[in-house]
Amino acid sequence: MTSPRLFVLEDLFKFNNIVMDPLVEVYSLPFLLPKILEHPELVLAADAPDNSLMGFILGTRVEDASESFGDGKSMSWNHGHISAVAVAHDYRKLGLGTRLLTTVRDIMDRQKDFYVDLYVREKNTNAIGLYESLGYVKYRWMPKFYADDHGYEMRLPLSRDVDRKSLEGIMIKKIYSFGYKLYYLLMFYIFGIIAIIIGVKLVE
């Protein structure tokens, strides 16, 4: 298995085969460049034998974030965030995604970040399975986070978070998410019935 290396700007000309894949979120250069330049140590790539890109990961950090938990107390800390991780189609199922994610996680751990989070499409069950195998948990459901899909925020507590405070309130968020999903199903059902009734009346 190849070792991840630091992503360089020239790689932007080599990753079309990855970002044009329908399973990969496509980001614009104005989004990518500031993140690459802000925390270059968290942006990694892996090379194939022919010098093409096998995959990349775009990590960043949220510094001095303030967050309230179940007990109402507010804490301030730094945490890591995975903005993108992608592997070229020909190199999937080889453990490269795991290698990229664990490498960036270890860097964030050494930087004393509290936890790592990321966002993922609800329909992307393969990615969710990978993240869960690495210890990430679904922290909250995010309705219509994507233009054509719901999403999840997933979190992985790091070694600094001994008491797993970054996951506090997860049960309340799950109950809220369950209620929201019921609401969406109910609306889908109601609008479906209305559409059928209108269709029948138009036929008559």
C-alpha atoms as a PDB file:
ATOM      1  CA  MET A   1       0.000   0.000   0.000  1.00  0.00           C
ATOM      2  CA  THR A   2       1.323   3.421  -0.950  1.00  0.00           C
ATOM      3  CA  SER A   3       2.018   5.947   1.802  1.00  0.00           C
ATOM      4  CA  PRO A   4      -0.035   9.160   1.815  1.00  0.00           C
ATOM      5  CA  ARG A   5       1.908  12.331   1.042  1.00  0.00           C
ATOM      6  CA  LEU A   6       1.129  16.022   1.291  1.00  0.00           C
ATOM      7  CA  PHE A   7      -1.239  17.277  -1.378  1.00  0.00           C
ATOM      8  CA  VAL A   8       0.389  19.840  -3.692  1.00  0.00           C
ATOM      9  CA  LEU A   9      -1.322  22.374  -5.948  1.00  0.00           C
ATOM     10  CA  GLU A  10      -0.231  20.457  -9.067  1.00  0.00           C
ATOM     11  CA  ASP A  11      -2.522  17.656  -7.894  1.00  0.00           C
ATOM     12  CA  LEU A  12      -5.496  19.850  -8.796  1.00  0.00           C
ATOM     13  CA  PHE A  13      -4.696  19.039 -12.424  1.00  0.00           C
ATOM     14  CA  LYS A  14      -4.641  15.295 -11.740  1.00  0.00           C
ATOM     15  CA  PHE A  15      -7.768  14.558  -9.726  1.00  0.00           C
ATOM     16  CA  ASN A  16     -10.497  14.885 -12.371  1.00  0.00           C
ATOM     17  CA  ASN A  17     -10.753  11.092 -12.579  1.00  0.00           C
ATOM     18  CA  ILE A  18     -11.700  11.116  -8.891  1.00  0.00           C
ATOM     19  CA  VAL A  19     -13.936  14.155  -8.450  1.00  0.00           C
ATOM     20  CA  MET A  20     -16.017  13.441 -11.545  1.00  0.00           C
ATOM     21  CA  ASP A  21     -17.184  10.150 -10.041  1.00  0.00           C
ATOM     22  CA  PRO A  22     -20.925  10.299  -9.168  1.00  0.00           C
ATOM     23  CA  LEU A  23     -20.212   9.079  -5.616  1.00  0.00           C
ATOM     24  CA  VAL A  24     -17.836  11.963  -4.911  1.00  0.00           C
ATOM     25  CA  GLU A  25     -18.934  15.441  -3.864  1.00  0.00           C
ATOM     26  CA  VAL A  26     -17.579  18.030  -6.303  1.00  0.00           C
ATOM     27  CA  TYR A  27     -16.161  21.228  -4.841  1.00  0.00           C
ATOM     28  CA  SER A  28     -15.148  24.420  -6.603  1.00  0.00           C
ATOM     29  CA  LEU A  29     -11.611  25.811  -6.529  1.00  0.00           C
ATOM     30  CA  PRO A  30     -12.671  28.799  -4.366  1.00  0.00           C
ATOM     31  CA  PHE A  31     -13.769  26.231  -1.771  1.00  0.00           C
ATOM     32  CA  LEU A  32     -10.727  23.974  -2.065  1.00  0.00           C
ATOM     33  CA  LEU A  33      -7.837  26.423  -2.243  1.00  0.00           C
ATOM     34  CA  PRO A  34      -8.300  28.239   1.094  1.00  0.00           C
ATOM     35  CA  LYS A  35      -8.616  24.916   2.914  1.00  0.00           C
ATOM     36  CA  ILE A  36      -5.520  23.488   1.236  1.00  0.00           C
ATOM     37  CA  LEU A  37      -3.502  26.584   2.119  1.00  0.00           C
ATOM     38  CA  GLU A  38      -4.847  26.990   5.664  1.00  0.00           C
ATOM     39  CA  HIS A  39      -3.949  23.519   6.971  1.00  0.00           C
ATOM     40  CA  PRO A  40      -1.720  21.864   4.330  1.00  0.00           C
ATOM     41  CA  GLU A  41      -0.616  19.172   6.797  1.00  0.00           C
ATOM     42  CA  LEU A  42      -4.189  17.826   6.802  1.00  0.00           C
ATOM     43  CA  VAL A  43      -4.522  17.569   3.009  1.00  0.00           C
ATOM     44  CA  LEU A  44      -3.036  14.317   1.718  1.00  0.00           C
ATOM     45  CA  ALA A  45      -2.870  12.380  -1.535  1.00  0.00           C
ATOM     46  CA  ALA A  46      -1.818   8.890  -2.605  1.00  0.00           C
ATOM     47  CA  ASP A  47      -0.029   8.144  -5.894  1.00  0.00           C
ATOM     48  CA  ALA A  48      -0.548   5.205  -8.245  1.00  0.00           C
ATOM     49  CA  PRO A  49       2.454   3.570  -9.981  1.00  0.00           C
ATOM     50  CA  ASP A  50       1.697   5.587 -13.143  1.00  0.00           C
ATOM     51  CA  ASN A  51       1.820   8.837 -11.107  1.00  0.00           C
ATOM     52  CA  SER A  52      -1.924   9.384 -11.283  1.00  0.00           C
ATOM     53  CA  LEU A  53      -3.844  10.012  -8.082  1.00  0.00           C
ATOM     54  CA  MET A  54      -5.335   7.023  -6.289  1.00  0.00           C
ATOM     55  CA  GLY A  55      -7.115   9.185  -3.753  1.00  0.00           C
ATOM     56  CA  PHE A  56      -7.012  12.261  -1.558  1.00  0.00           C
ATOM     57  CA  ILE A  57      -8.356  13.617   1.712  1.00  0.00           C
ATOM     58  CA  LEU A  58      -9.109  17.223   2.594  1.00  0.00           C
ATOM     59  CA  GLY A  59      -8.938  17.812   6.336  1.00  0.00           C
ATOM     60  CA  THR A  60      -9.219  21.096   8.190  1.00  0.00           C
ATOM     61  CA  ARG A  61      -9.574  22.406  11.729  1.00  0.00           C
ATOM     62  CA  VAL A  62     -12.206  24.481  13.497  1.00  0.00           C
ATOM     63  CA  GLU A  63     -10.387  26.501  16.129  1.00  0.00           C
ATOM     64  CA  ASP A  64     -11.780  27.826  19.417  1.00  0.00           C
ATOM     65  CA  ALA A  65     -15.262  26.496  18.672  1.00  0.00           C
ATOM     66  CA  SER A  66     -17.836  26.977  21.418  1.00  0.00           C
ATOM     67  CA  GLU A  67     -20.474  24.306  21.936  1.00  0.00           C
ATOM     68  CA  SER A  68     -23.129  23.592  24.568  1.00  0.00           C
ATOM     69  CA  PHE A  69     -23.897  20.107  25.836  1.00  0.00           C
ATOM     70  CA  GLY A  70     -26.667  18.273  27.635  1.00  0.00           C
ATOM     71  CA  ASP A  71     -25.821  19.812  31.000  1.00  0.00           C
ATOM     72  CA  GLY A  72     -26.100  23.313  29.533  1.00  0.00           C
ATOM     73  CA  LYS A  73     -22.402  24.065  29.992  1.00  0.00           C
ATOM     74  CA  SER A  74     -20.475  25.605  27.148  1.00  0.00           C
ATOM     75  CA  MET A  75     -16.963  24.503  26.252  1.00  0.00           C
ATOM     76  CA  SER A  76     -14.429  25.911  23.829  1.00  0.00           C
ATOM     77  CA  TRP A  77     -11.995  23.751  21.897  1.00  0.00           C
ATOM     78  CA  ASN A  78     -10.424  22.936  18.557  1.00  0.00           C
ATOM     79  CA  HIS A  79     -11.792  20.066  16.514  1.00  0.00           C
ATOM     80  CA  GLY A  80     -10.947  18.482  13.199  1.00  0.00           C
ATOM     81  CA  HIS A  81     -13.200  18.247  10.180  1.00  0.00           C
ATOM     82  CA  ILE A  82     -13.005  16.067   7.074  1.00  0.00           C
ATOM     83  CA  SER A  83     -14.267  18.176   4.176  1.00  0.00           C
ATOM     84  CA  ALA A  84     -13.685  15.498   1.536  1.00  0.00           C
ATOM     85  CA  VAL A  85     -12.226  12.029   1.134  1.00  0.00           C
ATOM     86  CA  ALA A  86     -12.267  10.218  -2.200  1.00  0.00           C
ATOM     87  CA  VAL A  87     -10.643   7.198  -3.822  1.00  0.00           C
ATOM     88  CA  ALA A  88     -10.465   6.556  -7.571  1.00  0.00           C
ATOM     89  CA  HIS A  89     -12.802   3.802  -8.716  1.00  0.00           C
ATOM     90  CA  ASP A  90      -9.987   1.405  -9.702  1.00  0.00           C
ATOM     91  CA  TYR A  91      -8.431   1.581  -6.215  1.00  0.00           C
ATOM     92  CA  ARG A  92     -11.475   1.067  -4.023  1.00  0.00           C
ATOM     93  CA  LYS A  93     -11.772  -1.866  -1.610  1.00  0.00           C
ATOM     94  CA  LEU A  94      -7.989  -1.827  -1.028  1.00  0.00           C
ATOM     95  CA  GLY A  95      -8.006  -0.008   2.310  1.00  0.00           C
ATOM     96  CA  LEU A  96      -6.833   3.323   0.916  1.00  0.00           C
ATOM     97  CA  GLY A  97      -9.784   5.269   2.327  1.00  0.00           C
ATOM     98  CA  THR A  98      -9.069   3.783   5.749  1.00  0.00           C
ATOM     99  CA  ARG A  99      -5.383   4.692   5.439  1.00  0.00           C
ATOM    100  CA  LEU A 100      -6.141   8.313   4.524  1.00  0.00           C
ATOM    101  CA  LEU A 101      -8.713   8.722   7.284  1.00  0.00           C
ATOM    102  CA  THR A 102      -6.544   7.173  10.010  1.00  0.00           C
ATOM    103  CA  THR A 103      -3.482   9.197   8.971  1.00  0.00           C
ATOM    104  CA  VAL A 104      -5.370  12.495   9.231  1.00  0.00           C
ATOM    105  CA  ARG A 105      -7.044  11.344  12.467  1.00  0.00           C
ATOM    106  CA  ASP A 106      -3.614  10.664  14.008  1.00  0.00           C
ATOM    107  CA  ILE A 107      -2.371  14.121  12.979  1.00  0.00           C
ATOM    108  CA  MET A 108      -5.434  15.758  14.543  1.00  0.00           C
ATOM    109  CA  ASP A 109      -4.936  13.681  17.678  1.00  0.00           C
ATOM    110  CA  ARG A 110      -1.343  14.907  17.996  1.00  0.00           C
ATOM    111  CA  GLN A 111      -2.609  18.471  17.535  1.00  0.00           C
ATOM    112  CA  LYS A 112      -4.852  17.894  20.596  1.00  0.00           C
ATOM    113  CA  ASP A 113      -8.091  18.300  18.698  1.00  0.00           C
ATOM    114  CA  PHE A 114     -11.150  17.214  20.675  1.00  0.00           C
ATOM    115  CA  TYR A 115     -12.932  15.221  17.976  1.00  0.00           C
ATOM    116  CA  VAL A 116     -13.224  14.819  14.209  1.00  0.00           C
ATOM    117  CA  ASP A 117     -16.466  15.262  12.317  1.00  0.00           C
ATOM    118  CA  LEU A 118     -17.639  14.903   8.742  1.00  0.00           C
ATOM    119  CA  TYR A 119     -20.837  15.032   6.697  1.00  0.00           C
ATOM    120  CA  VAL A 120     -22.098  12.189   4.537  1.00  0.00           C
ATOM    121  CA  ARG A 121     -25.101  11.530   2.328  1.00  0.00           C
ATOM    122  CA  GLU A 122     -27.794   9.349   3.888  1.00  0.00           C
ATOM    123  CA  LYS A 123     -27.824   7.167   0.749  1.00  0.00           C
ATOM    124  CA  ASN A 124     -24.055   6.605   0.774  1.00  0.00           C
ATOM    125  CA  THR A 125     -24.225   3.434   2.855  1.00  0.00           C
ATOM    126  CA  ASN A 126     -20.747   2.246   1.816  1.00  0.00           C
ATOM    127  CA  ALA A 127     -19.129   5.420   3.150  1.00  0.00           C
ATOM    128  CA  ILE A 128     -21.209   5.292   6.334  1.00  0.00           C
ATOM    129  CA  GLY A 129     -20.095   1.690   6.882  1.00  0.00           C
ATOM    130  CA  LEU A 130     -16.447   2.692   6.444  1.00  0.00           C
ATOM    131  CA  TYR A 131     -16.741   5.575   8.894  1.00  0.00           C
ATOM    132  CA  GLU A 132     -18.524   3.422  11.466  1.00  0.00           C
ATOM    133  CA  SER A 133     -15.801   0.770  11.175  1.00  0.00           C
ATOM    134  CA  LEU A 134     -13.303   3.479  12.187  1.00  0.00           C
ATOM    135  CA  GLY A 135     -15.327   4.518  15.241  1.00  0.00           C
ATOM    136  CA  TYR A 136     -17.403   7.377  13.842  1.00  0.00           C
ATOM    137  CA  VAL A 137     -20.996   7.549  15.054  1.00  0.00           C
ATOM    138  CA  LYS A 138     -24.050   9.240  13.554  1.00  0.00           C
ATOM    139  CA  TYR A 139     -24.316  12.329  15.715  1.00  0.00           C
ATOM    140  CA  ARG A 140     -27.299  13.959  14.010  1.00  0.00           C
ATOM    141  CA  TRP A 141     -29.505  13.593  10.969  1.00  0.00           C
ATOM    142  CA  MET A 142     -29.511  16.633   8.662  1.00  0.00           C
ATOM    143  CA  PRO A 143     -32.665  16.883   6.516  1.00  0.00           C
ATOM    144  CA  LYS A 144     -32.078  18.187   2.991  1.00  0.00           C
ATOM    145  CA  PHE A 145     -28.429  18.926   3.759  1.00  0.00           C
ATOM    146  CA  TYR A 146     -27.693  18.080   0.130  1.00  0.00           C
ATOM    147  CA  ALA A 147     -29.755  19.334  -2.792  1.00  0.00           C
ATOM    148  CA  ASP A 148     -30.953  15.805  -3.560  1.00  0.00           C
ATOM    149  CA  ASP A 149     -30.461  13.924  -0.315  1.00  0.00           C
ATOM    150  CA  HIS A 150     -30.502  14.079   3.464  1.00  0.00           C
ATOM    151  CA  GLY A 151     -27.245  13.787   5.368  1.00  0.00           C
ATOM    152  CA  TYR A 152     -25.613  12.822   8.643  1.00  0.00           C
ATOM    153  CA  GLU A 153     -23.034  14.544  10.755  1.00  0.00           C
ATOM    154  CA  MET A 154     -20.721  11.818  12.057  1.00  0.00           C
ATOM    155  CA  ARG A 155     -18.254  12.290  14.910  1.00  0.00           C
ATOM    156  CA  LEU A 156     -15.192  10.496  16.222  1.00  0.00           C
ATOM    157  CA  PRO A 157     -13.980  11.478  19.722  1.00  0.00           C
ATOM    158  CA  LEU A 158     -10.197  11.752  19.964  1.00  0.00           C
ATOM    159  CA  SER A 159      -7.956  10.885  22.916  1.00  0.00           C
ATOM    160  CA  ARG A 160      -8.325  14.340  24.483  1.00  0.00           C
ATOM    161  CA  ASP A 161     -12.077  13.727  24.804  1.00  0.00           C
ATOM    162  CA  VAL A 162     -11.706  11.151  27.580  1.00  0.00           C
ATOM    163  CA  ASP A 163     -15.323  11.543  28.744  1.00  0.00           C
ATOM    164  CA  ARG A 164     -16.684  11.559  25.173  1.00  0.00           C
ATOM    165  CA  LYS A 165     -18.311  14.943  25.753  1.00  0.00           C
ATOM    166  CA  SER A 166     -18.366  15.539  22.008  1.00  0.00           C
ATOM    167  CA  LEU A 167     -21.131  12.915  21.828  1.00  0.00           C
ATOM    168  CA  GLU A 168     -23.271  14.294  24.650  1.00  0.00           C
ATOM    169  CA  GLY A 169     -26.869  14.915  23.670  1.00  0.00           C
ATOM    170  CA  ILE A 170     -26.740  12.270  20.955  1.00  0.00           C
ATOM    171  CA  MET A 171     -29.878  10.487  22.210  1.00  0.00           C
ATOM    172  CA  ILE A 172     -31.913  13.702  22.106  1.00  0.00           C
ATOM    173  CA  LYS A 173     -30.636  14.348  18.591  1.00  0.00           C
ATOM    174  CA  LYS A 174     -31.619  10.807  17.571  1.00  0.00           C
ATOM    175  CA  ILE A 175     -35.137  11.287  18.950  1.00  0.00           C
ATOM    176  CA  TYR A 176     -35.374  14.621  17.120  1.00  0.00           C
ATOM    177  CA  SER A 177     -34.110  12.963  13.918  1.00  0.00           C
ATOM    178  CA  PHE A 178     -36.640  10.141  14.252  1.00  0.00           C
ATOM    179  CA  GLY A 179     -39.464  12.670  14.654  1.00  0.00           C
ATOM    180  CA  TYR A 180     -38.237  14.632  11.652  1.00  0.00           C
ATOM    181  CA  LYS A 181     -38.119  11.464   9.534  1.00  0.00           C
ATOM    182  CA  LEU A 182     -41.692  10.605  10.534  1.00  0.00           C
ATOM    183  CA  TYR A 183     -42.725  14.118   9.540  1.00  0.00           C
ATOM    184  CA  TYR A 184     -41.069  13.731   6.121  1.00  0.00           C
ATOM    185  CA  LEU A 185     -42.761  10.350   5.573  1.00  0.00           C
ATOM    186  CA  LEU A 186     -46.139  11.774   6.594  1.00  0.00           C
ATOM    187  CA  MET A 187     -45.765  14.745   4.228  1.00  0.00           C
ATOM    188  CA  PHE A 188     -44.676  12.415   1.427  1.00  0.00           C
ATOM    189  CA  TYR A 189     -47.750  10.252   2.048  1.00  0.00           C
ATOM    190  CA  ILE A 190     -50.169  13.213   2.248  1.00  0.00           C
ATOM    191  CA  PHE A 191     -48.830  14.880  -0.903  1.00  0.00           C
ATOM    192  CA  GLY A 192     -48.902  11.524  -2.684  1.00  0.00           C
ATOM    193  CA  ILE A 193     -52.593  11.069  -1.828  1.00  0.00           C
ATOM    194  CA  ILE A 194     -53.350  14.639  -2.953  1.00  0.00           C
ATOM    195  CA  ALA A 195     -51.536  14.030  -6.253  1.00  0.00           C
ATOM    196  CA  ILE A 196     -53.546  10.842  -6.833  1.00  0.00           C
ATOM    197  CA  ILE A 197     -56.850  12.613  -6.094  1.00  0.00           C
ATOM    198  CA  ILE A 198     -55.979  15.514  -8.418  1.00  0.00           C
ATOM    199  CA  GLY A 199     -54.926  13.027 -11.111  1.00  0.00           C
ATOM    200  CA  VAL A 200     -58.208  11.135 -10.833  1.00  0.00           C
ATOM    201  CA  LYS A 201     -60.243  14.352 -11.059  1.00  0.00           C
ATOM    202  CA  LEU A 202     -58.305  15.475 -14.140  1.00  0.00           C
ATOM    203  CA  VAL A 203     -59.003  12.139 -15.837  1.00  0.00           C
ATOM    204  CA  GLU A 204     -62.734  12.477 -15.073  1.00  0.00           C
END
